[in-house]
Amino acid sequence: MPRPIEPGQMASRHLAPMSFEQFRALVADILEVDAVKVTPEAYFVTDLGVDSVKLVEVVLQLQAMGLELTPDLVWRIQTVGDAYRYYQEQARRDP
């Protein structure tokens, strides 16, 4: 089960470079699914069974790690690969 986010925690986090395998393990842990199912092509809703509550958990965990996610962007990220590409882009921009 993911740890709760503490107040102010988001602002103090910096994105660390992460391999896809590390990202896969993180997503599998948050979603409580077998990591084998977490592929770049896997859709969060149809393939991994993410409902709105679980989606909020995923977004909160990624924000706690320092990822900036707007509501519009959340709806555009459909696959694990989309999420990982966005993570990589943000990690490269992080000071």
C-alpha atoms as a PDB file:
ATOM      1  CA  MET A   1       0.000   0.000   0.000  1.00  0.00           C
ATOM      2  CA  PRO A   2       1.433   3.415  -0.936  1.00  0.00           C
ATOM      3  CA  ARG A   3       2.454   5.712   1.893  1.00  0.00           C
ATOM      4  CA  PRO A   4       0.236   8.743   2.547  1.00  0.00           C
ATOM      5  CA  ILE A   5       1.526  12.096   1.321  1.00  0.00           C
ATOM      6  CA  GLU A   6       2.596  14.516   4.001  1.00  0.00           C
ATOM      7  CA  PRO A   7       1.853  18.259   3.696  1.00  0.00           C
ATOM      8  CA  GLY A   8       4.678  20.015   1.843  1.00  0.00           C
ATOM      9  CA  GLN A   9       6.120  16.723   0.636  1.00  0.00           C
ATOM     10  CA  MET A  10       5.459  17.429  -3.053  1.00  0.00           C
ATOM     11  CA  ALA A  11       7.442  20.648  -3.149  1.00  0.00           C
ATOM     12  CA  SER A  12      10.563  19.075  -1.614  1.00  0.00           C
ATOM     13  CA  ARG A  13      10.851  16.150  -4.034  1.00  0.00           C
ATOM     14  CA  HIS A  14      13.143  16.000  -7.043  1.00  0.00           C
ATOM     15  CA  LEU A  15      12.697  13.485  -9.816  1.00  0.00           C
ATOM     16  CA  ALA A  16      15.442  10.900  -9.952  1.00  0.00           C
ATOM     17  CA  PRO A  17      16.246   9.140 -13.201  1.00  0.00           C
ATOM     18  CA  MET A  18      14.423   5.820 -13.286  1.00  0.00           C
ATOM     19  CA  SER A  19      14.699   2.874 -15.653  1.00  0.00           C
ATOM     20  CA  PHE A  20      11.524   1.415 -17.114  1.00  0.00           C
ATOM     21  CA  GLU A  21      11.999  -1.637 -14.865  1.00  0.00           C
ATOM     22  CA  GLN A  22      12.027   0.608 -11.789  1.00  0.00           C
ATOM     23  CA  PHE A  23       9.006   2.532 -13.063  1.00  0.00           C
ATOM     24  CA  ARG A  24       7.215  -0.750 -13.793  1.00  0.00           C
ATOM     25  CA  ALA A  25       7.850  -1.968 -10.238  1.00  0.00           C
ATOM     26  CA  LEU A  26       6.562   1.319  -8.814  1.00  0.00           C
ATOM     27  CA  VAL A  27       3.374   1.229 -10.912  1.00  0.00           C
ATOM     28  CA  ALA A  28       2.808  -2.450 -10.102  1.00  0.00           C
ATOM     29  CA  ASP A  29       3.168  -1.673  -6.399  1.00  0.00           C
ATOM     30  CA  ILE A  30       0.783   1.289  -6.499  1.00  0.00           C
ATOM     31  CA  LEU A  31      -1.808  -0.634  -8.514  1.00  0.00           C
ATOM     32  CA  GLU A  32      -1.233  -3.900  -6.662  1.00  0.00           C
ATOM     33  CA  VAL A  33      -0.898  -5.847  -9.926  1.00  0.00           C
ATOM     34  CA  ASP A  34       1.669  -8.316 -11.231  1.00  0.00           C
ATOM     35  CA  ALA A  35       4.595  -6.400 -12.746  1.00  0.00           C
ATOM     36  CA  VAL A  36       4.421  -8.656 -15.816  1.00  0.00           C
ATOM     37  CA  LYS A  37       1.152  -6.920 -16.751  1.00  0.00           C
ATOM     38  CA  VAL A  38       2.783  -3.488 -16.560  1.00  0.00           C
ATOM     39  CA  THR A  39       4.108  -3.022 -20.090  1.00  0.00           C
ATOM     40  CA  PRO A  40       4.596   0.176 -22.086  1.00  0.00           C
ATOM     41  CA  GLU A  41       1.561  -0.777 -24.186  1.00  0.00           C
ATOM     42  CA  ALA A  42      -0.720  -1.522 -21.201  1.00  0.00           C
ATOM     43  CA  TYR A  43      -3.674   0.828 -20.859  1.00  0.00           C
ATOM     44  CA  PHE A  44      -4.305   1.853 -17.262  1.00  0.00           C
ATOM     45  CA  VAL A  45      -8.095   1.431 -17.468  1.00  0.00           C
ATOM     46  CA  THR A  46      -8.680  -1.482 -19.829  1.00  0.00           C
ATOM     47  CA  ASP A  47      -5.565  -3.592 -19.242  1.00  0.00           C
ATOM     48  CA  LEU A  48      -4.716  -2.852 -15.614  1.00  0.00           C
ATOM     49  CA  GLY A  49      -8.239  -2.276 -14.272  1.00  0.00           C
ATOM     50  CA  VAL A  50      -7.588   1.206 -12.916  1.00  0.00           C
ATOM     51  CA  ASP A  51     -10.762   2.853 -11.643  1.00  0.00           C
ATOM     52  CA  SER A  52     -11.134   6.496 -10.639  1.00  0.00           C
ATOM     53  CA  VAL A  53     -10.053   5.877  -7.033  1.00  0.00           C
ATOM     54  CA  LYS A  54      -6.929   3.999  -8.104  1.00  0.00           C
ATOM     55  CA  LEU A  55      -6.181   6.702 -10.685  1.00  0.00           C
ATOM     56  CA  VAL A  56      -6.175   9.299  -7.906  1.00  0.00           C
ATOM     57  CA  GLU A  57      -3.723   7.118  -5.928  1.00  0.00           C
ATOM     58  CA  VAL A  58      -1.411   6.868  -8.931  1.00  0.00           C
ATOM     59  CA  VAL A  59      -1.547  10.622  -9.565  1.00  0.00           C
ATOM     60  CA  LEU A  60      -0.889  11.433  -5.895  1.00  0.00           C
ATOM     61  CA  GLN A  61       2.090   9.091  -5.758  1.00  0.00           C
ATOM     62  CA  LEU A  62       3.592  10.542  -8.936  1.00  0.00           C
ATOM     63  CA  GLN A  63       3.026  14.082  -7.633  1.00  0.00           C
ATOM     64  CA  ALA A  64       4.665  13.113  -4.330  1.00  0.00           C
ATOM     65  CA  MET A  65       7.715  12.091  -6.348  1.00  0.00           C
ATOM     66  CA  GLY A  66       7.806  15.594  -7.876  1.00  0.00           C
ATOM     67  CA  LEU A  67       5.939  15.009 -11.141  1.00  0.00           C
ATOM     68  CA  GLU A  68       3.766  17.941 -12.180  1.00  0.00           C
ATOM     69  CA  LEU A  69       0.406  16.634 -13.411  1.00  0.00           C
ATOM     70  CA  THR A  70      -2.516  18.794 -14.459  1.00  0.00           C
ATOM     71  CA  PRO A  71      -6.029  17.307 -14.684  1.00  0.00           C
ATOM     72  CA  ASP A  72      -5.934  17.678 -18.486  1.00  0.00           C
ATOM     73  CA  LEU A  73      -2.635  15.813 -18.687  1.00  0.00           C
ATOM     74  CA  VAL A  74      -3.881  13.006 -16.442  1.00  0.00           C
ATOM     75  CA  TRP A  75      -6.652  12.242 -18.925  1.00  0.00           C
ATOM     76  CA  ARG A  76      -4.222  12.248 -21.854  1.00  0.00           C
ATOM     77  CA  ILE A  77      -1.893   9.688 -20.232  1.00  0.00           C
ATOM     78  CA  GLN A  78      -3.542   6.441 -21.230  1.00  0.00           C
ATOM     79  CA  THR A  79      -0.782   3.837 -21.194  1.00  0.00           C
ATOM     80  CA  VAL A  80       2.112   2.963 -18.925  1.00  0.00           C
ATOM     81  CA  GLY A  81       4.413   4.018 -21.762  1.00  0.00           C
ATOM     82  CA  ASP A  82       2.743   7.458 -21.899  1.00  0.00           C
ATOM     83  CA  ALA A  83       3.314   7.867 -18.167  1.00  0.00           C
ATOM     84  CA  TYR A  84       6.939   6.723 -18.355  1.00  0.00           C
ATOM     85  CA  ARG A  85       7.733   9.057 -21.284  1.00  0.00           C
ATOM     86  CA  TYR A  86       6.242  11.971 -19.363  1.00  0.00           C
ATOM     87  CA  TYR A  87       8.231  10.966 -16.258  1.00  0.00           C
ATOM     88  CA  GLN A  88      11.444  10.909 -18.309  1.00  0.00           C
ATOM     89  CA  GLU A  89      10.714  14.351 -19.796  1.00  0.00           C
ATOM     90  CA  GLN A  90      10.090  15.814 -16.333  1.00  0.00           C
ATOM     91  CA  ALA A  91      13.176  14.128 -14.835  1.00  0.00           C
ATOM     92  CA  ARG A  92      15.343  15.705 -17.558  1.00  0.00           C
ATOM     93  CA  ARG A  93      13.909  19.154 -16.761  1.00  0.00           C
ATOM     94  CA  ASP A  94      14.243  18.788 -12.973  1.00  0.00           C
ATOM     95  CA  PRO A  95      17.073  20.980 -11.607  1.00  0.00           C
END
